[in-house]
């Protein structure tokens, strides 16, 4: 598969993975499901999505951030809603309303996806070097 073929496919895969990430981000907790478990599952998911994107297309590993679009959307909405309702009072770290949940939702999924993408890039480059060395050794 050529590099030009990988780019749109990588973007589509990352955006599709973001749909499932949206389920993790937008849905309520199930009966008896602890919040900690949901956070761990979401963290592993966003990191794994980034890792897959980075391994698949190491040249454009930055596309891994696309898999976290749902977290960015929800985090931005939380921040804008808090600002619209309470003005600059949301910046005082006292009683609610605060924007900390929105900031966490805005930055954590993207950070995890990009970290996974970068590590995936390193793995993909290593695999490519090993393959090219093996191919040249056979010739």
C-alpha atoms as a PDB file:
ATOM      1  CA  UNK A   1       0.000   0.000   0.000  1.00  0.00           C
ATOM      2  CA  UNK A   2       1.430   3.367  -0.990  1.00  0.00           C
ATOM      3  CA  UNK A   3       1.790   6.339   1.329  1.00  0.00           C
ATOM      4  CA  UNK A   4      -0.862   8.264  -0.601  1.00  0.00           C
ATOM      5  CA  UNK A   5      -3.332   5.408  -0.018  1.00  0.00           C
ATOM      6  CA  UNK A   6      -2.600   5.270   3.707  1.00  0.00           C
ATOM      7  CA  UNK A   7      -3.397   8.894   4.538  1.00  0.00           C
ATOM      8  CA  UNK A   8      -7.166   8.950   3.870  1.00  0.00           C
ATOM      9  CA  UNK A   9      -7.524   5.447   5.299  1.00  0.00           C
ATOM     10  CA  UNK A  10      -5.676   6.474   8.457  1.00  0.00           C
ATOM     11  CA  UNK A  11      -7.888   9.520   8.895  1.00  0.00           C
ATOM     12  CA  UNK A  12     -11.054   7.476   8.375  1.00  0.00           C
ATOM     13  CA  UNK A  13      -9.946   4.809  10.839  1.00  0.00           C
ATOM     14  CA  UNK A  14      -9.085   7.430  13.452  1.00  0.00           C
ATOM     15  CA  UNK A  15     -12.418   9.212  13.009  1.00  0.00           C
ATOM     16  CA  UNK A  16     -14.305   5.903  13.169  1.00  0.00           C
ATOM     17  CA  UNK A  17     -12.451   4.987  16.350  1.00  0.00           C
ATOM     18  CA  UNK A  18     -13.510   8.367  17.694  1.00  0.00           C
ATOM     19  CA  UNK A  19     -17.125   7.240  17.351  1.00  0.00           C
ATOM     20  CA  UNK A  20     -16.525   4.432  19.819  1.00  0.00           C
ATOM     21  CA  UNK A  21     -14.580   6.868  21.980  1.00  0.00           C
ATOM     22  CA  UNK A  22     -17.700   9.016  21.894  1.00  0.00           C
ATOM     23  CA  UNK A  23     -19.664   6.150  23.400  1.00  0.00           C
ATOM     24  CA  UNK A  24     -17.138   5.969  26.236  1.00  0.00           C
ATOM     25  CA  UNK A  25     -17.186   9.728  26.735  1.00  0.00           C
ATOM     26  CA  UNK A  26     -20.877  10.586  26.273  1.00  0.00           C
ATOM     27  CA  UNK A  27     -22.660   7.625  27.839  1.00  0.00           C
ATOM     28  CA  UNK A  28     -23.686   7.358  31.450  1.00  0.00           C
ATOM     29  CA  UNK A  29     -22.164   4.793  33.750  1.00  0.00           C
ATOM     30  CA  UNK A  30     -23.863   1.424  33.802  1.00  0.00           C
ATOM     31  CA  UNK A  31     -25.455   0.013  36.943  1.00  0.00           C
ATOM     32  CA  UNK A  32     -22.662  -0.760  39.373  1.00  0.00           C
ATOM     33  CA  UNK A  33     -19.952   0.490  36.997  1.00  0.00           C
ATOM     34  CA  UNK A  34     -17.357   2.531  38.887  1.00  0.00           C
ATOM     35  CA  UNK A  35     -16.135   5.799  37.398  1.00  0.00           C
ATOM     36  CA  UNK A  36     -12.539   4.674  37.834  1.00  0.00           C
ATOM     37  CA  UNK A  37     -13.110   1.680  35.577  1.00  0.00           C
ATOM     38  CA  UNK A  38     -14.620   3.884  32.855  1.00  0.00           C
ATOM     39  CA  UNK A  39     -11.670   6.268  33.041  1.00  0.00           C
ATOM     40  CA  UNK A  40      -9.161   3.414  32.794  1.00  0.00           C
ATOM     41  CA  UNK A  41     -10.991   1.841  29.846  1.00  0.00           C
ATOM     42  CA  UNK A  42     -11.196   5.197  28.043  1.00  0.00           C
ATOM     43  CA  UNK A  43      -7.510   5.919  28.700  1.00  0.00           C
ATOM     44  CA  UNK A  44      -6.479   2.524  27.334  1.00  0.00           C
ATOM     45  CA  UNK A  45      -8.779   2.962  24.355  1.00  0.00           C
ATOM     46  CA  UNK A  46      -7.470   6.394  23.330  1.00  0.00           C
ATOM     47  CA  UNK A  47      -3.856   5.308  23.812  1.00  0.00           C
ATOM     48  CA  UNK A  48      -4.432   2.116  21.798  1.00  0.00           C
ATOM     49  CA  UNK A  49      -6.115   4.057  18.986  1.00  0.00           C
ATOM     50  CA  UNK A  50      -3.138   6.376  18.792  1.00  0.00           C
ATOM     51  CA  UNK A  51      -0.775   3.426  18.876  1.00  0.00           C
ATOM     52  CA  UNK A  52      -2.583   1.780  15.985  1.00  0.00           C
ATOM     53  CA  UNK A  53      -2.577   4.949  13.898  1.00  0.00           C
ATOM     54  CA  UNK A  54       1.116   5.528  14.592  1.00  0.00           C
ATOM     55  CA  UNK A  55       2.059   1.957  13.683  1.00  0.00           C
ATOM     56  CA  UNK A  56      -0.052   1.965  10.534  1.00  0.00           C
ATOM     57  CA  UNK A  57       1.147   5.323   9.218  1.00  0.00           C
ATOM     58  CA  UNK A  58       4.296   6.366  11.048  1.00  0.00           C
ATOM     59  CA  UNK A  59       4.953   9.361   8.796  1.00  0.00           C
ATOM     60  CA  UNK A  60       1.629  10.982   9.756  1.00  0.00           C
ATOM     61  CA  UNK A  61       1.359   9.743  13.343  1.00  0.00           C
ATOM     62  CA  UNK A  62      -0.113  13.110  14.329  1.00  0.00           C
ATOM     63  CA  UNK A  63      -3.420  11.930  12.820  1.00  0.00           C
ATOM     64  CA  UNK A  64      -3.788   9.911  16.007  1.00  0.00           C
ATOM     65  CA  UNK A  65      -5.288  13.019  17.573  1.00  0.00           C
ATOM     66  CA  UNK A  66      -8.326  12.571  15.319  1.00  0.00           C
ATOM     67  CA  UNK A  67      -9.351   9.541  17.348  1.00  0.00           C
ATOM     68  CA  UNK A  68     -10.001  11.812  20.341  1.00  0.00           C
ATOM     69  CA  UNK A  69     -12.463  14.120  18.582  1.00  0.00           C
ATOM     70  CA  UNK A  70     -15.314  13.135  20.884  1.00  0.00           C
ATOM     71  CA  UNK A  71     -13.413  14.121  24.028  1.00  0.00           C
ATOM     72  CA  UNK A  72     -12.455  17.447  22.472  1.00  0.00           C
ATOM     73  CA  UNK A  73     -16.064  18.073  21.490  1.00  0.00           C
ATOM     74  CA  UNK A  74     -17.460  17.291  24.938  1.00  0.00           C
ATOM     75  CA  UNK A  75     -14.707  19.146  26.801  1.00  0.00           C
ATOM     76  CA  UNK A  76     -15.209  22.239  24.652  1.00  0.00           C
ATOM     77  CA  UNK A  77     -18.955  22.085  25.213  1.00  0.00           C
ATOM     78  CA  UNK A  78     -18.536  21.803  28.995  1.00  0.00           C
ATOM     79  CA  UNK A  79     -16.181  24.794  29.059  1.00  0.00           C
ATOM     80  CA  UNK A  80     -18.380  26.934  26.818  1.00  0.00           C
ATOM     81  CA  UNK A  81     -21.530  26.038  28.751  1.00  0.00           C
ATOM     82  CA  UNK A  82     -19.894  26.930  32.062  1.00  0.00           C
ATOM     83  CA  UNK A  83     -18.581  30.217  30.666  1.00  0.00           C
ATOM     84  CA  UNK A  84     -21.938  31.083  29.148  1.00  0.00           C
ATOM     85  CA  UNK A  85     -23.847  30.424  32.343  1.00  0.00           C
ATOM     86  CA  UNK A  86     -21.450  31.714  34.995  1.00  0.00           C
ATOM     87  CA  UNK A  87     -19.018  34.035  33.181  1.00  0.00           C
ATOM     88  CA  UNK A  88     -15.530  34.405  34.580  1.00  0.00           C
ATOM     89  CA  UNK A  89     -16.581  32.904  37.927  1.00  0.00           C
ATOM     90  CA  UNK A  90     -15.664  29.500  36.498  1.00  0.00           C
ATOM     91  CA  UNK A  91     -11.972  30.413  36.747  1.00  0.00           C
ATOM     92  CA  UNK A  92     -12.132  30.699  40.520  1.00  0.00           C
ATOM     93  CA  UNK A  93     -11.200  27.291  41.872  1.00  0.00           C
ATOM     94  CA  UNK A  94     -13.754  27.395  44.654  1.00  0.00           C
ATOM     95  CA  UNK A  95     -17.252  26.019  44.648  1.00  0.00           C
ATOM     96  CA  UNK A  96     -18.850  24.790  41.443  1.00  0.00           C
ATOM     97  CA  UNK A  97     -19.048  25.852  38.723  1.00  0.00           C
ATOM     98  CA  UNK A  98     -15.495  25.161  37.635  1.00  0.00           C
ATOM     99  CA  UNK A  99     -14.110  24.259  34.238  1.00  0.00           C
ATOM    100  CA  UNK A 100     -11.739  21.547  35.466  1.00  0.00           C
ATOM    101  CA  UNK A 101     -13.883  18.642  34.182  1.00  0.00           C
ATOM    102  CA  UNK A 102     -14.031  20.306  30.785  1.00  0.00           C
ATOM    103  CA  UNK A 103     -10.281  20.864  30.713  1.00  0.00           C
ATOM    104  CA  UNK A 104      -9.634  17.252  31.663  1.00  0.00           C
ATOM    105  CA  UNK A 105     -12.048  16.061  28.998  1.00  0.00           C
ATOM    106  CA  UNK A 106     -10.498  18.430  26.469  1.00  0.00           C
ATOM    107  CA  UNK A 107      -6.847  17.558  26.962  1.00  0.00           C
ATOM    108  CA  UNK A 108      -6.575  14.030  28.402  1.00  0.00           C
ATOM    109  CA  UNK A 109      -7.937  12.013  25.432  1.00  0.00           C
ATOM    110  CA  UNK A 110      -5.909  14.042  22.920  1.00  0.00           C
ATOM    111  CA  UNK A 111      -2.757  13.713  24.996  1.00  0.00           C
ATOM    112  CA  UNK A 112      -3.191   9.963  25.344  1.00  0.00           C
ATOM    113  CA  UNK A 113      -3.943   9.527  21.634  1.00  0.00           C
ATOM    114  CA  UNK A 114      -0.937  11.607  20.578  1.00  0.00           C
ATOM    115  CA  UNK A 115       1.355   9.804  23.024  1.00  0.00           C
ATOM    116  CA  UNK A 116       0.148   6.482  21.643  1.00  0.00           C
ATOM    117  CA  UNK A 117       0.614   7.788  18.101  1.00  0.00           C
ATOM    118  CA  UNK A 118       4.196   8.818  18.800  1.00  0.00           C
ATOM    119  CA  UNK A 119       5.066   5.481  20.381  1.00  0.00           C
ATOM    120  CA  UNK A 120       3.330   3.754  17.475  1.00  0.00           C
ATOM    121  CA  UNK A 121       5.455   5.795  15.077  1.00  0.00           C
ATOM    122  CA  UNK A 122       8.619   4.590  16.808  1.00  0.00           C
ATOM    123  CA  UNK A 123       7.422   0.985  16.653  1.00  0.00           C
ATOM    124  CA  UNK A 124       6.405   1.346  12.985  1.00  0.00           C
ATOM    125  CA  UNK A 125       9.791   2.791  12.049  1.00  0.00           C
ATOM    126  CA  UNK A 126      11.583  -0.021  13.880  1.00  0.00           C
ATOM    127  CA  UNK A 127       9.475  -2.637  12.092  1.00  0.00           C
ATOM    128  CA  UNK A 128      10.178  -0.973   8.733  1.00  0.00           C
ATOM    129  CA  UNK A 129      13.945  -1.004   9.405  1.00  0.00           C
ATOM    130  CA  UNK A 130      13.861  -4.667  10.385  1.00  0.00           C
ATOM    131  CA  UNK A 131      11.840  -5.547   7.273  1.00  0.00           C
ATOM    132  CA  UNK A 132      14.172  -3.647   4.956  1.00  0.00           C
ATOM    133  CA  UNK A 133      17.226  -5.235   6.582  1.00  0.00           C
ATOM    134  CA  UNK A 134      15.694  -8.697   6.184  1.00  0.00           C
ATOM    135  CA  UNK A 135      14.751  -7.955   2.574  1.00  0.00           C
ATOM    136  CA  UNK A 136      18.241  -6.723   1.698  1.00  0.00           C
ATOM    137  CA  UNK A 137      19.783  -9.761   3.422  1.00  0.00           C
ATOM    138  CA  UNK A 138      17.715 -12.089   1.236  1.00  0.00           C
ATOM    139  CA  UNK A 139      18.925 -10.455  -1.960  1.00  0.00           C
END
